[in-house]
Amino acid sequence: MSGTYKVLSQNRRLVAYLPCLRTAIKQTRVFSSFRSHHPSEGQFIEDPTNRNSDQNFIWPDSSLGPLATKDKRFPLPGSTGISQHLQPPSAPLEELQVDPTELIKVDRDERQASILTEFNLVAEMETALSGTGPWECVAQDCPQLLRKDFQELFPGRDLSRSQLTVITISHRTKNDMSMWSPEVEAEREDLLKTFMKGGEELCSVLKEMGYWADFVDPSSGRPYYGEYTNATLFETDERYRRLGFEIQDLGCCKVISHHLWGTHTFLGSVFTNCPTDDPVLEGLLKEHM
């Protein structure tokens, strides 16, 4: 999941293959929580070992768990270090090449970049251990030709006046979804439950960041949170062609086809006004190169 971010033509497209949908979203929540609780250039608290000092120091953020930036002064388990009287005398401050006051300044963007890097390393290790993940998440700017069509899905919002990002979430299925069998039905039910939980988690993260978000219930074709509408968006809807899928007409029915997995595919979609260049989405997805 590592890589640089670029803009392809006028539409930005991010894609990632995830071993577990909900785990990835929960990891993204860690990063979004950091942004929510650190709106300024870091969070400073008083150094408890020096109550008379006028300087403030940054201490590890326990809420970030393993993603927290390690303090080199406390390398031992439990964030402990060697007592000062056991350490060799340090050089006088005047001999230091760097102004010590600069050492305690933390740039917000650098902290975010550091957390994103650690997040990508964790996800990369998981992907390496499990192979290409069965979940594909693609976030892309909604094509202009689809904005008017999707407006009927969300009658309470004016989609023409704001950013609209469509996140398609696909799962590689064991069974061919172009046929019916008890095994196909059972697999679809399991994937539906997983997607619904993942959709709730993802929308919750985006809403905590101040964005609007909703997802389409694959079983009804209607928005999960939005007001009731007669408009629907099922996975065999022709509009999915403009989002990178194929719709196969089998005569008796239609079936969605994925560019890698064919008809071994389960599909769901999330809509939001969160731009594709927001670090929260970039932390979950990487750009399709």
C-alpha atoms as a PDB file:
ATOM      1  CA  MET A   1       0.000   0.000   0.000  1.00  0.00           C
ATOM      2  CA  SER A   2       2.998   2.272  -0.230  1.00  0.00           C
ATOM      3  CA  GLY A   3       3.627   4.606  -3.133  1.00  0.00           C
ATOM      4  CA  THR A   4       3.468   8.214  -4.208  1.00  0.00           C
ATOM      5  CA  TYR A   5       0.279  10.073  -4.945  1.00  0.00           C
ATOM      6  CA  LYS A   6      -0.343  11.595  -8.340  1.00  0.00           C
ATOM      7  CA  VAL A   7      -3.368  13.057 -10.131  1.00  0.00           C
ATOM      8  CA  LEU A   8      -4.321  11.190 -13.285  1.00  0.00           C
ATOM      9  CA  SER A   9      -5.902  13.635 -15.786  1.00  0.00           C
ATOM     10  CA  GLN A  10      -8.722  15.571 -14.135  1.00  0.00           C
ATOM     11  CA  ASN A  11     -10.138  12.705 -12.102  1.00  0.00           C
ATOM     12  CA  ARG A  12      -8.306  11.287  -9.117  1.00  0.00           C
ATOM     13  CA  ARG A  13      -8.561   7.547  -8.547  1.00  0.00           C
ATOM     14  CA  LEU A  14      -7.349   5.734  -5.437  1.00  0.00           C
ATOM     15  CA  VAL A  15      -7.322   1.955  -5.116  1.00  0.00           C
ATOM     16  CA  ALA A  16      -6.201  -0.601  -2.526  1.00  0.00           C
ATOM     17  CA  TYR A  17      -6.540  -4.337  -1.999  1.00  0.00           C
ATOM     18  CA  LEU A  18      -7.234  -5.085   1.639  1.00  0.00           C
ATOM     19  CA  PRO A  19      -7.034  -8.372   3.545  1.00  0.00           C
ATOM     20  CA  CYS A  20      -9.795  -7.280   5.938  1.00  0.00           C
ATOM     21  CA  LEU A  21     -12.209  -4.414   5.329  1.00  0.00           C
ATOM     22  CA  ARG A  22     -13.198  -3.558   8.908  1.00  0.00           C
ATOM     23  CA  THR A  23      -9.631  -3.868  10.243  1.00  0.00           C
ATOM     24  CA  ALA A  24      -8.363  -1.388   7.661  1.00  0.00           C
ATOM     25  CA  ILE A  25     -11.177   1.039   8.443  1.00  0.00           C
ATOM     26  CA  LYS A  26     -10.498   0.802  12.182  1.00  0.00           C
ATOM     27  CA  GLN A  27      -6.818   1.550  11.546  1.00  0.00           C
ATOM     28  CA  THR A  28      -7.902   4.571   9.518  1.00  0.00           C
ATOM     29  CA  ARG A  29     -10.025   5.688  12.469  1.00  0.00           C
ATOM     30  CA  VAL A  30      -6.813   5.869  14.551  1.00  0.00           C
ATOM     31  CA  PHE A  31      -5.351   8.391  12.133  1.00  0.00           C
ATOM     32  CA  SER A  32      -8.607  10.364  11.846  1.00  0.00           C
ATOM     33  CA  SER A  33      -8.808  10.508  15.653  1.00  0.00           C
ATOM     34  CA  PHE A  34      -5.317  11.974  15.774  1.00  0.00           C
ATOM     35  CA  ARG A  35      -6.335  14.716  13.340  1.00  0.00           C
ATOM     36  CA  SER A  36      -9.519  15.441  15.285  1.00  0.00           C
ATOM     37  CA  HIS A  37      -7.701  15.800  18.610  1.00  0.00           C
ATOM     38  CA  HIS A  38      -4.646  17.611  17.223  1.00  0.00           C
ATOM     39  CA  PRO A  39      -5.993  20.497  15.128  1.00  0.00           C
ATOM     40  CA  SER A  40      -2.968  22.670  15.825  1.00  0.00           C
ATOM     41  CA  GLU A  41       0.761  22.068  15.649  1.00  0.00           C
ATOM     42  CA  GLY A  42       0.915  19.251  18.149  1.00  0.00           C
ATOM     43  CA  GLN A  43      -0.393  18.862  21.651  1.00  0.00           C
ATOM     44  CA  PHE A  44       1.866  20.235  24.395  1.00  0.00           C
ATOM     45  CA  ILE A  45       1.740  19.396  28.077  1.00  0.00           C
ATOM     46  CA  GLU A  46       3.958  20.373  30.942  1.00  0.00           C
ATOM     47  CA  ASP A  47       7.017  18.260  31.643  1.00  0.00           C
ATOM     48  CA  PRO A  48       6.169  16.627  35.025  1.00  0.00           C
ATOM     49  CA  THR A  49       9.893  16.326  35.881  1.00  0.00           C
ATOM     50  CA  ASN A  50      10.390  20.073  35.719  1.00  0.00           C
ATOM     51  CA  ARG A  51       7.443  21.956  37.185  1.00  0.00           C
ATOM     52  CA  ASN A  52       9.376  25.227  37.219  1.00  0.00           C
ATOM     53  CA  SER A  53      10.266  25.104  33.551  1.00  0.00           C
ATOM     54  CA  ASP A  54       8.570  27.514  31.182  1.00  0.00           C
ATOM     55  CA  GLN A  55       9.104  25.149  28.273  1.00  0.00           C
ATOM     56  CA  ASN A  56       6.562  22.543  27.195  1.00  0.00           C
ATOM     57  CA  PHE A  57       7.359  19.133  25.843  1.00  0.00           C
ATOM     58  CA  ILE A  58       5.522  16.671  23.630  1.00  0.00           C
ATOM     59  CA  TRP A  59       4.852  13.341  25.257  1.00  0.00           C
ATOM     60  CA  PRO A  60       3.802  10.160  23.423  1.00  0.00           C
ATOM     61  CA  ASP A  61       0.100  10.023  22.603  1.00  0.00           C
ATOM     62  CA  SER A  62      -1.124   6.844  24.306  1.00  0.00           C
ATOM     63  CA  SER A  63      -4.300   6.788  22.223  1.00  0.00           C
ATOM     64  CA  LEU A  64      -2.262   6.006  19.108  1.00  0.00           C
ATOM     65  CA  GLY A  65      -0.958   2.745  20.572  1.00  0.00           C
ATOM     66  CA  PRO A  66       1.705   1.151  18.324  1.00  0.00           C
ATOM     67  CA  LEU A  67       1.357   4.019  15.822  1.00  0.00           C
ATOM     68  CA  ALA A  68       2.583   6.607  18.322  1.00  0.00           C
ATOM     69  CA  THR A  69       5.934   8.213  17.577  1.00  0.00           C
ATOM     70  CA  LYS A  70       8.595   6.664  19.809  1.00  0.00           C
ATOM     71  CA  ASP A  71      10.420   8.928  22.230  1.00  0.00           C
ATOM     72  CA  LYS A  72      14.119   8.105  21.929  1.00  0.00           C
ATOM     73  CA  ARG A  73      14.674   9.146  25.541  1.00  0.00           C
ATOM     74  CA  PHE A  74      12.574   6.161  26.711  1.00  0.00           C
ATOM     75  CA  PRO A  75      13.566   3.182  24.510  1.00  0.00           C
ATOM     76  CA  LEU A  76      12.875   0.439  27.062  1.00  0.00           C
ATOM     77  CA  PRO A  77       9.531  -1.420  27.483  1.00  0.00           C
ATOM     78  CA  GLY A  78       6.924   0.623  29.252  1.00  0.00           C
ATOM     79  CA  SER A  79       8.390   3.875  27.837  1.00  0.00           C
ATOM     80  CA  THR A  80      11.192   3.845  30.412  1.00  0.00           C
ATOM     81  CA  GLY A  81      14.774   5.029  30.118  1.00  0.00           C
ATOM     82  CA  ILE A  82      18.119   5.012  31.889  1.00  0.00           C
ATOM     83  CA  SER A  83      18.460   7.243  34.925  1.00  0.00           C
ATOM     84  CA  GLN A  84      20.345  10.448  34.230  1.00  0.00           C
ATOM     85  CA  HIS A  85      23.056   9.704  36.850  1.00  0.00           C
ATOM     86  CA  LEU A  86      23.949   6.496  34.952  1.00  0.00           C
ATOM     87  CA  GLN A  87      24.336   8.246  31.621  1.00  0.00           C
ATOM     88  CA  PRO A  88      27.619   9.841  30.488  1.00  0.00           C
ATOM     89  CA  PRO A  89      27.705  13.623  30.796  1.00  0.00           C
ATOM     90  CA  SER A  90      26.278  15.307  27.736  1.00  0.00           C
ATOM     91  CA  ALA A  91      27.904  18.146  25.832  1.00  0.00           C
ATOM     92  CA  PRO A  92      27.108  21.690  26.971  1.00  0.00           C
ATOM     93  CA  LEU A  93      24.217  23.316  25.180  1.00  0.00           C
ATOM     94  CA  GLU A  94      26.517  25.867  23.602  1.00  0.00           C
ATOM     95  CA  GLU A  95      28.387  23.048  21.805  1.00  0.00           C
ATOM     96  CA  LEU A  96      25.231  21.693  20.166  1.00  0.00           C
ATOM     97  CA  GLN A  97      24.872  22.441  16.479  1.00  0.00           C
ATOM     98  CA  VAL A  98      21.075  22.585  16.718  1.00  0.00           C
ATOM     99  CA  ASP A  99      19.072  25.047  18.749  1.00  0.00           C
ATOM    100  CA  PRO A 100      17.508  22.876  21.529  1.00  0.00           C
ATOM    101  CA  THR A 101      14.258  24.793  21.267  1.00  0.00           C
ATOM    102  CA  GLU A 102      13.885  23.461  17.742  1.00  0.00           C
ATOM    103  CA  LEU A 103      13.920  19.896  19.031  1.00  0.00           C
ATOM    104  CA  ILE A 104      10.558  20.254  20.761  1.00  0.00           C
ATOM    105  CA  LYS A 105       8.727  21.778  17.818  1.00  0.00           C
ATOM    106  CA  VAL A 106       6.501  19.312  16.005  1.00  0.00           C
ATOM    107  CA  ASP A 107       5.034  20.162  12.637  1.00  0.00           C
ATOM    108  CA  ARG A 108       1.488  18.887  12.226  1.00  0.00           C
ATOM    109  CA  ASP A 109       2.017  17.761   8.630  1.00  0.00           C
ATOM    110  CA  GLU A 110       5.179  15.866   9.583  1.00  0.00           C
ATOM    111  CA  ARG A 111       3.316  14.055  12.369  1.00  0.00           C
ATOM    112  CA  GLN A 112       0.567  13.091   9.932  1.00  0.00           C
ATOM    113  CA  ALA A 113       3.101  11.940   7.347  1.00  0.00           C
ATOM    114  CA  SER A 114       4.874   9.860   9.994  1.00  0.00           C
ATOM    115  CA  ILE A 115       1.640   8.174  11.082  1.00  0.00           C
ATOM    116  CA  LEU A 116       0.634   7.511   7.470  1.00  0.00           C
ATOM    117  CA  THR A 117       4.020   5.935   6.797  1.00  0.00           C
ATOM    118  CA  GLU A 118       3.709   3.606   9.798  1.00  0.00           C
ATOM    119  CA  PHE A 119       0.106   2.772   8.825  1.00  0.00           C
ATOM    120  CA  ASN A 120       1.180   1.865   5.282  1.00  0.00           C
ATOM    121  CA  LEU A 121       3.982  -0.331   6.596  1.00  0.00           C
ATOM    122  CA  VAL A 122       1.546  -2.262   8.813  1.00  0.00           C
ATOM    123  CA  ALA A 123      -0.917  -2.716   5.944  1.00  0.00           C
ATOM    124  CA  GLU A 124       1.902  -3.703   3.590  1.00  0.00           C
ATOM    125  CA  MET A 125       3.043  -6.420   6.009  1.00  0.00           C
ATOM    126  CA  GLU A 126      -0.518  -7.751   6.307  1.00  0.00           C
ATOM    127  CA  THR A 127      -0.867  -7.845   2.520  1.00  0.00           C
ATOM    128  CA  ALA A 128       2.494  -9.598   2.138  1.00  0.00           C
ATOM    129  CA  LEU A 129       1.437 -12.280   4.625  1.00  0.00           C
ATOM    130  CA  SER A 130      -2.002 -12.874   3.114  1.00  0.00           C
ATOM    131  CA  GLY A 131      -1.321 -12.166  -0.565  1.00  0.00           C
ATOM    132  CA  THR A 132      -3.514  -9.782  -2.547  1.00  0.00           C
ATOM    133  CA  GLY A 133      -6.436  -8.983  -0.296  1.00  0.00           C
ATOM    134  CA  PRO A 134      -9.928 -10.095  -1.330  1.00  0.00           C
ATOM    135  CA  TRP A 135     -11.343  -6.595  -0.752  1.00  0.00           C
ATOM    136  CA  GLU A 136     -10.810  -3.938  -3.420  1.00  0.00           C
ATOM    137  CA  CYS A 137     -11.619  -0.338  -2.429  1.00  0.00           C
ATOM    138  CA  VAL A 138     -11.633   2.323  -5.133  1.00  0.00           C
ATOM    139  CA  ALA A 139     -12.292   6.001  -4.415  1.00  0.00           C
ATOM    140  CA  GLN A 140     -12.753   8.307  -7.377  1.00  0.00           C
ATOM    141  CA  ASP A 141     -14.221  11.673  -8.241  1.00  0.00           C
ATOM    142  CA  CYS A 142     -17.761  11.121  -9.457  1.00  0.00           C
ATOM    143  CA  PRO A 143     -17.959  11.645 -13.232  1.00  0.00           C
ATOM    144  CA  GLN A 144     -19.923  14.757 -14.095  1.00  0.00           C
ATOM    145  CA  LEU A 145     -22.339  12.748 -16.243  1.00  0.00           C
ATOM    146  CA  LEU A 146     -23.384  10.709 -13.195  1.00  0.00           C
ATOM    147  CA  ARG A 147     -23.966  13.564 -10.757  1.00  0.00           C
ATOM    148  CA  LYS A 148     -27.463  14.274 -12.071  1.00  0.00           C
ATOM    149  CA  ASP A 149     -28.322  10.557 -12.050  1.00  0.00           C
ATOM    150  CA  PHE A 150     -27.131  10.108  -8.473  1.00  0.00           C
ATOM    151  CA  GLN A 151     -29.014  13.212  -7.330  1.00  0.00           C
ATOM    152  CA  GLU A 152     -32.238  11.200  -7.222  1.00  0.00           C
ATOM    153  CA  LEU A 153     -30.619   8.823  -4.720  1.00  0.00           C
ATOM    154  CA  PHE A 154     -29.992  11.680  -2.291  1.00  0.00           C
ATOM    155  CA  PRO A 155     -32.899  14.132  -2.725  1.00  0.00           C
ATOM    156  CA  GLY A 156     -31.960  15.972   0.465  1.00  0.00           C
ATOM    157  CA  ARG A 157     -28.567  17.085  -0.882  1.00  0.00           C
ATOM    158  CA  ASP A 158     -27.493  19.265  -3.773  1.00  0.00           C
ATOM    159  CA  LEU A 159     -24.774  17.158  -5.381  1.00  0.00           C
ATOM    160  CA  SER A 160     -24.115  19.705  -8.114  1.00  0.00           C
ATOM    161  CA  ARG A 161     -22.619  22.235  -5.704  1.00  0.00           C
ATOM    162  CA  SER A 162     -20.161  20.116  -3.740  1.00  0.00           C
ATOM    163  CA  GLN A 163     -17.419  17.536  -4.058  1.00  0.00           C
ATOM    164  CA  LEU A 164     -18.756  14.036  -4.700  1.00  0.00           C
ATOM    165  CA  THR A 165     -16.536  11.004  -4.227  1.00  0.00           C
ATOM    166  CA  VAL A 166     -17.735   7.473  -4.971  1.00  0.00           C
ATOM    167  CA  ILE A 167     -16.056   4.608  -3.096  1.00  0.00           C
ATOM    168  CA  THR A 168     -16.765   1.212  -4.639  1.00  0.00           C
ATOM    169  CA  ILE A 169     -15.995  -1.761  -2.393  1.00  0.00           C
ATOM    170  CA  SER A 170     -15.704  -5.130  -4.135  1.00  0.00           C
ATOM    171  CA  HIS A 171     -15.020  -8.588  -2.753  1.00  0.00           C
ATOM    172  CA  ARG A 172     -13.612 -11.527  -4.688  1.00  0.00           C
ATOM    173  CA  THR A 173     -16.097 -14.338  -4.125  1.00  0.00           C
ATOM    174  CA  LYS A 174     -15.487 -18.062  -4.011  1.00  0.00           C
ATOM    175  CA  ASN A 175     -18.618 -18.749  -6.056  1.00  0.00           C
ATOM    176  CA  ASP A 176     -19.651 -17.488  -9.471  1.00  0.00           C
ATOM    177  CA  MET A 177     -22.329 -14.880  -8.803  1.00  0.00           C
ATOM    178  CA  SER A 178     -23.862 -15.383 -12.271  1.00  0.00           C
ATOM    179  CA  MET A 179     -25.501 -18.581 -11.059  1.00  0.00           C
ATOM    180  CA  TRP A 180     -27.732 -19.388  -8.111  1.00  0.00           C
ATOM    181  CA  SER A 181     -27.077 -22.104  -5.554  1.00  0.00           C
ATOM    182  CA  PRO A 182     -27.403 -22.436  -1.778  1.00  0.00           C
ATOM    183  CA  GLU A 183     -23.639 -21.800  -1.536  1.00  0.00           C
ATOM    184  CA  VAL A 184     -23.919 -18.600  -3.608  1.00  0.00           C
ATOM    185  CA  GLU A 185     -26.826 -17.351  -1.493  1.00  0.00           C
ATOM    186  CA  ALA A 186     -24.995 -18.086   1.769  1.00  0.00           C
ATOM    187  CA  GLU A 187     -21.830 -16.318   0.572  1.00  0.00           C
ATOM    188  CA  ARG A 188     -23.806 -13.253  -0.524  1.00  0.00           C
ATOM    189  CA  GLU A 189     -25.523 -13.063   2.865  1.00  0.00           C
ATOM    190  CA  ASP A 190     -22.185 -13.214   4.693  1.00  0.00           C
ATOM    191  CA  LEU A 191     -20.633 -10.549   2.449  1.00  0.00           C
ATOM    192  CA  LEU A 192     -23.701  -8.342   2.798  1.00  0.00           C
ATOM    193  CA  LYS A 193     -23.360  -8.370   6.596  1.00  0.00           C
ATOM    194  CA  THR A 194     -19.635  -7.599   6.369  1.00  0.00           C
ATOM    195  CA  PHE A 195     -20.170  -4.746   3.917  1.00  0.00           C
ATOM    196  CA  MET A 196     -22.983  -3.228   5.983  1.00  0.00           C
ATOM    197  CA  LYS A 197     -20.775  -3.177   9.095  1.00  0.00           C
ATOM    198  CA  GLY A 198     -17.833  -1.826   7.117  1.00  0.00           C
ATOM    199  CA  GLY A 199     -20.032   0.823   5.490  1.00  0.00           C
ATOM    200  CA  GLU A 200     -21.243   2.005   8.888  1.00  0.00           C
ATOM    201  CA  GLU A 201     -17.647   2.193  10.171  1.00  0.00           C
ATOM    202  CA  LEU A 202     -16.378   4.090   7.133  1.00  0.00           C
ATOM    203  CA  CYS A 203     -19.264   6.576   7.161  1.00  0.00           C
ATOM    204  CA  SER A 204     -18.747   7.082  10.890  1.00  0.00           C
ATOM    205  CA  VAL A 205     -15.049   7.933  10.344  1.00  0.00           C
ATOM    206  CA  LEU A 206     -15.893  10.392   7.564  1.00  0.00           C
ATOM    207  CA  LYS A 207     -18.652  12.028   9.604  1.00  0.00           C
ATOM    208  CA  GLU A 208     -16.314  12.449  12.577  1.00  0.00           C
ATOM    209  CA  MET A 209     -14.043  14.378  10.213  1.00  0.00           C
ATOM    210  CA  GLY A 210     -16.933  16.717   9.385  1.00  0.00           C
ATOM    211  CA  TYR A 211     -17.882  15.194   6.035  1.00  0.00           C
ATOM    212  CA  TRP A 212     -21.200  13.891   4.761  1.00  0.00           C
ATOM    213  CA  ALA A 213     -21.236  10.180   3.938  1.00  0.00           C
ATOM    214  CA  ASP A 214     -23.807   7.512   3.093  1.00  0.00           C
ATOM    215  CA  PHE A 215     -23.731   4.068   1.538  1.00  0.00           C
ATOM    216  CA  VAL A 216     -26.153   2.088  -0.577  1.00  0.00           C
ATOM    217  CA  ASP A 217     -27.680  -1.015   0.972  1.00  0.00           C
ATOM    218  CA  PRO A 218     -27.033  -3.712  -1.679  1.00  0.00           C
ATOM    219  CA  SER A 219     -30.175  -5.603  -0.653  1.00  0.00           C
ATOM    220  CA  SER A 220     -32.541  -2.654  -1.271  1.00  0.00           C
ATOM    221  CA  GLY A 221     -30.500  -0.452  -3.593  1.00  0.00           C
ATOM    222  CA  ARG A 222     -31.331   2.600  -1.453  1.00  0.00           C
ATOM    223  CA  PRO A 223     -29.189   4.863   0.766  1.00  0.00           C
ATOM    224  CA  TYR A 224     -28.746   3.553   4.286  1.00  0.00           C
ATOM    225  CA  TYR A 225     -28.918   6.893   6.122  1.00  0.00           C
ATOM    226  CA  GLY A 226     -30.669   9.140   3.603  1.00  0.00           C
ATOM    227  CA  GLU A 227     -34.353   9.870   3.347  1.00  0.00           C
ATOM    228  CA  TYR A 228     -36.533   7.388   1.507  1.00  0.00           C
ATOM    229  CA  THR A 229     -36.527   7.565  -2.280  1.00  0.00           C
ATOM    230  CA  ASN A 230     -37.957   5.497  -5.100  1.00  0.00           C
ATOM    231  CA  ALA A 231     -34.578   5.654  -6.845  1.00  0.00           C
ATOM    232  CA  THR A 232     -32.310   2.617  -6.479  1.00  0.00           C
ATOM    233  CA  LEU A 233     -28.748   1.586  -7.311  1.00  0.00           C
ATOM    234  CA  PHE A 234     -28.333  -2.182  -7.519  1.00  0.00           C
ATOM    235  CA  GLU A 235     -25.019  -3.794  -8.437  1.00  0.00           C
ATOM    236  CA  THR A 236     -26.237  -4.531 -11.984  1.00  0.00           C
ATOM    237  CA  ASP A 237     -27.074  -0.859 -12.632  1.00  0.00           C
ATOM    238  CA  GLU A 238     -25.668   0.402 -15.937  1.00  0.00           C
ATOM    239  CA  ARG A 239     -24.178   3.433 -14.168  1.00  0.00           C
ATOM    240  CA  TYR A 240     -21.500   1.192 -12.703  1.00  0.00           C
ATOM    241  CA  ARG A 241     -19.990   0.996 -16.194  1.00  0.00           C
ATOM    242  CA  ARG A 242     -18.710   4.554 -15.742  1.00  0.00           C
ATOM    243  CA  LEU A 243     -17.105   3.510 -12.445  1.00  0.00           C
ATOM    244  CA  GLY A 244     -14.956   0.780 -14.012  1.00  0.00           C
ATOM    245  CA  PHE A 245     -17.232  -2.283 -14.059  1.00  0.00           C
ATOM    246  CA  GLU A 246     -18.923  -4.303 -16.782  1.00  0.00           C
ATOM    247  CA  ILE A 247     -22.537  -5.403 -16.773  1.00  0.00           C
ATOM    248  CA  GLN A 248     -23.117  -8.713 -18.516  1.00  0.00           C
ATOM    249  CA  ASP A 249     -26.548  -9.478 -19.930  1.00  0.00           C
ATOM    250  CA  LEU A 250     -27.111 -13.228 -19.652  1.00  0.00           C
ATOM    251  CA  GLY A 251     -30.557 -13.090 -21.216  1.00  0.00           C
ATOM    252  CA  CYS A 252     -32.449 -14.214 -18.145  1.00  0.00           C
ATOM    253  CA  CYS A 253     -30.641 -11.733 -15.882  1.00  0.00           C
ATOM    254  CA  LYS A 254     -27.744  -9.310 -15.582  1.00  0.00           C
ATOM    255  CA  VAL A 255     -24.575  -9.709 -13.515  1.00  0.00           C
ATOM    256  CA  ILE A 256     -21.749  -7.385 -12.482  1.00  0.00           C
ATOM    257  CA  SER A 257     -18.271  -8.221 -13.807  1.00  0.00           C
ATOM    258  CA  HIS A 258     -15.001  -7.092 -12.207  1.00  0.00           C
ATOM    259  CA  HIS A 259     -11.933  -6.328 -14.336  1.00  0.00           C
ATOM    260  CA  LEU A 260      -9.861  -8.905 -12.394  1.00  0.00           C
ATOM    261  CA  TRP A 261     -12.354 -11.340 -10.917  1.00  0.00           C
ATOM    262  CA  GLY A 262     -15.065 -11.462 -13.549  1.00  0.00           C
ATOM    263  CA  THR A 263     -18.426 -12.548 -12.148  1.00  0.00           C
ATOM    264  CA  HIS A 264     -16.821 -13.765  -8.911  1.00  0.00           C
ATOM    265  CA  THR A 265     -17.647 -10.382  -7.406  1.00  0.00           C
ATOM    266  CA  PHE A 266     -19.751  -8.776  -4.674  1.00  0.00           C
ATOM    267  CA  LEU A 267     -20.118  -4.991  -4.896  1.00  0.00           C
ATOM    268  CA  GLY A 268     -21.155  -2.147  -2.609  1.00  0.00           C
ATOM    269  CA  SER A 269     -20.725   1.636  -2.800  1.00  0.00           C
ATOM    270  CA  VAL A 270     -20.218   4.610  -0.470  1.00  0.00           C
ATOM    271  CA  PHE A 271     -20.853   8.271  -1.345  1.00  0.00           C
ATOM    272  CA  THR A 272     -19.192  11.214   0.390  1.00  0.00           C
ATOM    273  CA  ASN A 273     -18.110  14.817  -0.109  1.00  0.00           C
ATOM    274  CA  CYS A 274     -14.664  13.955   1.302  1.00  0.00           C
ATOM    275  CA  PRO A 275     -12.113  14.767  -1.442  1.00  0.00           C
ATOM    276  CA  THR A 276      -9.856  11.969  -2.649  1.00  0.00           C
ATOM    277  CA  ASP A 277      -6.761  13.892  -1.561  1.00  0.00           C
ATOM    278  CA  ASP A 278      -7.801  13.929   2.104  1.00  0.00           C
ATOM    279  CA  PRO A 279      -5.173  12.094   4.225  1.00  0.00           C
ATOM    280  CA  VAL A 280      -7.913   9.901   5.737  1.00  0.00           C
ATOM    281  CA  LEU A 281      -8.704   8.351   2.342  1.00  0.00           C
ATOM    282  CA  GLU A 282      -5.055   8.348   1.323  1.00  0.00           C
ATOM    283  CA  GLY A 283      -4.287   6.408   4.499  1.00  0.00           C
ATOM    284  CA  LEU A 284      -6.819   3.729   3.538  1.00  0.00           C
ATOM    285  CA  LEU A 285      -6.217   3.685  -0.175  1.00  0.00           C
ATOM    286  CA  LYS A 286      -3.301   4.193  -2.508  1.00  0.00           C
ATOM    287  CA  GLU A 287      -3.492   5.618  -5.978  1.00  0.00           C
ATOM    288  CA  HIS A 288      -3.893   3.375  -8.992  1.00  0.00           C
ATOM    289  CA  MET A 289      -0.659   3.843 -10.941  1.00  0.00           C
END
